[in-house]
């Protein structure tokens, strides 16, 4: 028995018939398309009560920013009202938001952290 690798797209017979007249079997391969996951922006919102040092600490601890990067983001949040901490897949973004919100509440700060589709 011969085995022929290929596609039977041009095969005029029924979908269940895998034998041709020569007695060879046709094996078809399907290609799986992998879709990249959606990305989400994690944002910190400005408020009048959370100390700037605490925001810098959040950015260093949860988003692995250097002190300089964290300070720049914190100043952007302070001046414009919102700043981007990073871009992540849904599950990671959701986890980061939860961690920041829990840590802020534990330290009695009203800091808000949200995520939005990129």
C-alpha atoms as a PDB file:
ATOM      1  CA  UNK A   1       0.000   0.000   0.000  1.00  0.00           C
ATOM      2  CA  UNK A   2       1.323   3.493  -0.912  1.00  0.00           C
ATOM      3  CA  UNK A   3       0.659   6.506   1.326  1.00  0.00           C
ATOM      4  CA  UNK A   4       0.410   9.864  -0.392  1.00  0.00           C
ATOM      5  CA  UNK A   5       0.760  12.984   1.767  1.00  0.00           C
ATOM      6  CA  UNK A   6      -1.127  15.937   0.456  1.00  0.00           C
ATOM      7  CA  UNK A   7      -4.444  17.600   0.248  1.00  0.00           C
ATOM      8  CA  UNK A   8      -7.574  16.168  -1.238  1.00  0.00           C
ATOM      9  CA  UNK A   9      -9.211  19.550  -1.891  1.00  0.00           C
ATOM     10  CA  UNK A  10      -9.602  18.679  -5.580  1.00  0.00           C
ATOM     11  CA  UNK A  11     -10.958  15.209  -4.779  1.00  0.00           C
ATOM     12  CA  UNK A  12     -14.400  14.879  -6.335  1.00  0.00           C
ATOM     13  CA  UNK A  13     -15.405  11.901  -4.199  1.00  0.00           C
ATOM     14  CA  UNK A  14     -17.209  12.053  -0.877  1.00  0.00           C
ATOM     15  CA  UNK A  15     -15.496  13.405   2.255  1.00  0.00           C
ATOM     16  CA  UNK A  16     -15.347   9.952   3.867  1.00  0.00           C
ATOM     17  CA  UNK A  17     -13.650   8.220   0.919  1.00  0.00           C
ATOM     18  CA  UNK A  18      -9.871   8.375   1.359  1.00  0.00           C
ATOM     19  CA  UNK A  19      -8.849   5.768  -1.239  1.00  0.00           C
ATOM     20  CA  UNK A  20      -8.129   6.626  -4.842  1.00  0.00           C
ATOM     21  CA  UNK A  21      -8.308   4.189  -7.729  1.00  0.00           C
ATOM     22  CA  UNK A  22      -4.627   3.189  -7.345  1.00  0.00           C
ATOM     23  CA  UNK A  23      -5.199   1.730  -3.873  1.00  0.00           C
ATOM     24  CA  UNK A  24      -3.188   4.485  -2.097  1.00  0.00           C
ATOM     25  CA  UNK A  25      -4.462   6.254   1.015  1.00  0.00           C
ATOM     26  CA  UNK A  26      -4.523  10.048   1.076  1.00  0.00           C
ATOM     27  CA  UNK A  27      -3.656  11.671   4.390  1.00  0.00           C
ATOM     28  CA  UNK A  28      -4.636  15.312   4.745  1.00  0.00           C
ATOM     29  CA  UNK A  29      -3.081  17.753   7.163  1.00  0.00           C
ATOM     30  CA  UNK A  30      -4.922  20.720   8.580  1.00  0.00           C
ATOM     31  CA  UNK A  31      -3.079  23.857   9.572  1.00  0.00           C
ATOM     32  CA  UNK A  32      -4.014  25.395  12.892  1.00  0.00           C
ATOM     33  CA  UNK A  33      -4.043  29.171  12.924  1.00  0.00           C
ATOM     34  CA  UNK A  34      -2.929  30.641  16.203  1.00  0.00           C
ATOM     35  CA  UNK A  35      -4.451  33.992  17.077  1.00  0.00           C
ATOM     36  CA  UNK A  36      -2.416  36.369  19.213  1.00  0.00           C
ATOM     37  CA  UNK A  37      -4.164  37.265  22.483  1.00  0.00           C
ATOM     38  CA  UNK A  38      -5.714  40.690  22.945  1.00  0.00           C
ATOM     39  CA  UNK A  39      -3.619  43.126  24.934  1.00  0.00           C
ATOM     40  CA  UNK A  40      -4.798  45.411  27.718  1.00  0.00           C
ATOM     41  CA  UNK A  41      -3.346  48.646  29.070  1.00  0.00           C
ATOM     42  CA  UNK A  42      -3.076  48.965  32.843  1.00  0.00           C
ATOM     43  CA  UNK A  43      -3.675  52.569  33.922  1.00  0.00           C
ATOM     44  CA  UNK A  44      -3.301  54.447  37.201  1.00  0.00           C
ATOM     45  CA  UNK A  45      -5.711  57.307  37.825  1.00  0.00           C
ATOM     46  CA  UNK A  46      -4.817  60.492  39.670  1.00  0.00           C
ATOM     47  CA  UNK A  47      -6.400  61.430  42.976  1.00  0.00           C
ATOM     48  CA  UNK A  48      -5.730  64.201  45.494  1.00  0.00           C
ATOM     49  CA  UNK A  49      -4.923  61.918  48.423  1.00  0.00           C
ATOM     50  CA  UNK A  50      -2.460  59.177  47.441  1.00  0.00           C
ATOM     51  CA  UNK A  51       1.145  60.299  48.096  1.00  0.00           C
ATOM     52  CA  UNK A  52       3.422  60.498  45.065  1.00  0.00           C
ATOM     53  CA  UNK A  53       5.974  58.267  46.811  1.00  0.00           C
ATOM     54  CA  UNK A  54       3.357  55.529  47.173  1.00  0.00           C
ATOM     55  CA  UNK A  55       2.576  55.643  43.444  1.00  0.00           C
ATOM     56  CA  UNK A  56       6.308  55.358  42.662  1.00  0.00           C
ATOM     57  CA  UNK A  57       6.510  52.382  45.040  1.00  0.00           C
ATOM     58  CA  UNK A  58       3.533  50.707  43.283  1.00  0.00           C
ATOM     59  CA  UNK A  59       5.182  51.141  39.878  1.00  0.00           C
ATOM     60  CA  UNK A  60       8.488  49.727  41.096  1.00  0.00           C
ATOM     61  CA  UNK A  61       6.951  46.801  42.988  1.00  0.00           C
ATOM     62  CA  UNK A  62       4.184  45.585  40.668  1.00  0.00           C
ATOM     63  CA  UNK A  63       5.389  46.795  37.269  1.00  0.00           C
ATOM     64  CA  UNK A  64       9.165  46.386  37.734  1.00  0.00           C
ATOM     65  CA  UNK A  65       9.883  50.000  36.765  1.00  0.00           C
ATOM     66  CA  UNK A  66      13.142  51.680  37.701  1.00  0.00           C
ATOM     67  CA  UNK A  67      12.902  54.594  40.096  1.00  0.00           C
ATOM     68  CA  UNK A  68      13.419  57.009  37.198  1.00  0.00           C
ATOM     69  CA  UNK A  69      10.717  55.354  35.031  1.00  0.00           C
ATOM     70  CA  UNK A  70       8.319  55.197  37.983  1.00  0.00           C
ATOM     71  CA  UNK A  71       8.878  58.866  38.785  1.00  0.00           C
ATOM     72  CA  UNK A  72       8.226  59.872  35.165  1.00  0.00           C
ATOM     73  CA  UNK A  73       4.987  57.856  35.062  1.00  0.00           C
ATOM     74  CA  UNK A  74       3.885  59.229  38.445  1.00  0.00           C
ATOM     75  CA  UNK A  75       4.476  62.819  37.264  1.00  0.00           C
ATOM     76  CA  UNK A  76       2.535  62.081  34.078  1.00  0.00           C
ATOM     77  CA  UNK A  77      -0.365  60.744  36.193  1.00  0.00           C
ATOM     78  CA  UNK A  78      -0.148  63.824  38.438  1.00  0.00           C
ATOM     79  CA  UNK A  79      -0.166  66.259  35.509  1.00  0.00           C
ATOM     80  CA  UNK A  80      -2.607  64.602  33.102  1.00  0.00           C
ATOM     81  CA  UNK A  81      -4.826  62.538  35.408  1.00  0.00           C
ATOM     82  CA  UNK A  82      -3.916  59.096  34.039  1.00  0.00           C
ATOM     83  CA  UNK A  83      -0.774  57.127  33.233  1.00  0.00           C
ATOM     84  CA  UNK A  84       0.015  53.797  31.613  1.00  0.00           C
ATOM     85  CA  UNK A  85       1.846  51.251  33.759  1.00  0.00           C
ATOM     86  CA  UNK A  86       2.188  48.590  31.070  1.00  0.00           C
ATOM     87  CA  UNK A  87       0.496  46.461  28.412  1.00  0.00           C
ATOM     88  CA  UNK A  88      -0.346  42.839  29.179  1.00  0.00           C
ATOM     89  CA  UNK A  89      -2.579  39.937  28.219  1.00  0.00           C
ATOM     90  CA  UNK A  90      -6.013  39.945  29.875  1.00  0.00           C
ATOM     91  CA  UNK A  91      -5.176  37.601  32.759  1.00  0.00           C
ATOM     92  CA  UNK A  92      -1.946  39.379  33.669  1.00  0.00           C
ATOM     93  CA  UNK A  93      -3.535  42.832  33.418  1.00  0.00           C
ATOM     94  CA  UNK A  94      -6.429  41.721  35.609  1.00  0.00           C
ATOM     95  CA  UNK A  95      -4.023  40.314  38.193  1.00  0.00           C
ATOM     96  CA  UNK A  96      -1.928  43.496  38.241  1.00  0.00           C
ATOM     97  CA  UNK A  97      -5.020  45.684  38.719  1.00  0.00           C
ATOM     98  CA  UNK A  98      -6.216  43.489  41.596  1.00  0.00           C
ATOM     99  CA  UNK A  99      -2.785  43.482  43.254  1.00  0.00           C
ATOM    100  CA  UNK A 100      -2.475  47.274  43.044  1.00  0.00           C
ATOM    101  CA  UNK A 101      -6.008  47.887  44.311  1.00  0.00           C
ATOM    102  CA  UNK A 102      -5.592  45.441  47.214  1.00  0.00           C
ATOM    103  CA  UNK A 103      -2.229  46.928  48.186  1.00  0.00           C
ATOM    104  CA  UNK A 104      -3.612  50.479  48.029  1.00  0.00           C
ATOM    105  CA  UNK A 105      -6.612  49.559  50.233  1.00  0.00           C
ATOM    106  CA  UNK A 106      -4.362  47.723  52.672  1.00  0.00           C
ATOM    107  CA  UNK A 107      -2.310  50.925  52.983  1.00  0.00           C
ATOM    108  CA  UNK A 108      -5.469  53.057  53.220  1.00  0.00           C
ATOM    109  CA  UNK A 109      -5.021  54.932  49.942  1.00  0.00           C
ATOM    110  CA  UNK A 110      -7.857  55.598  47.449  1.00  0.00           C
ATOM    111  CA  UNK A 111      -5.615  54.929  44.421  1.00  0.00           C
ATOM    112  CA  UNK A 112      -7.510  53.637  41.376  1.00  0.00           C
ATOM    113  CA  UNK A 113      -6.012  51.249  38.844  1.00  0.00           C
ATOM    114  CA  UNK A 114      -7.956  50.118  35.770  1.00  0.00           C
ATOM    115  CA  UNK A 115      -7.421  48.195  32.557  1.00  0.00           C
ATOM    116  CA  UNK A 116      -8.642  48.873  29.031  1.00  0.00           C
ATOM    117  CA  UNK A 117      -8.314  47.051  25.740  1.00  0.00           C
ATOM    118  CA  UNK A 118      -5.304  48.260  23.780  1.00  0.00           C
END
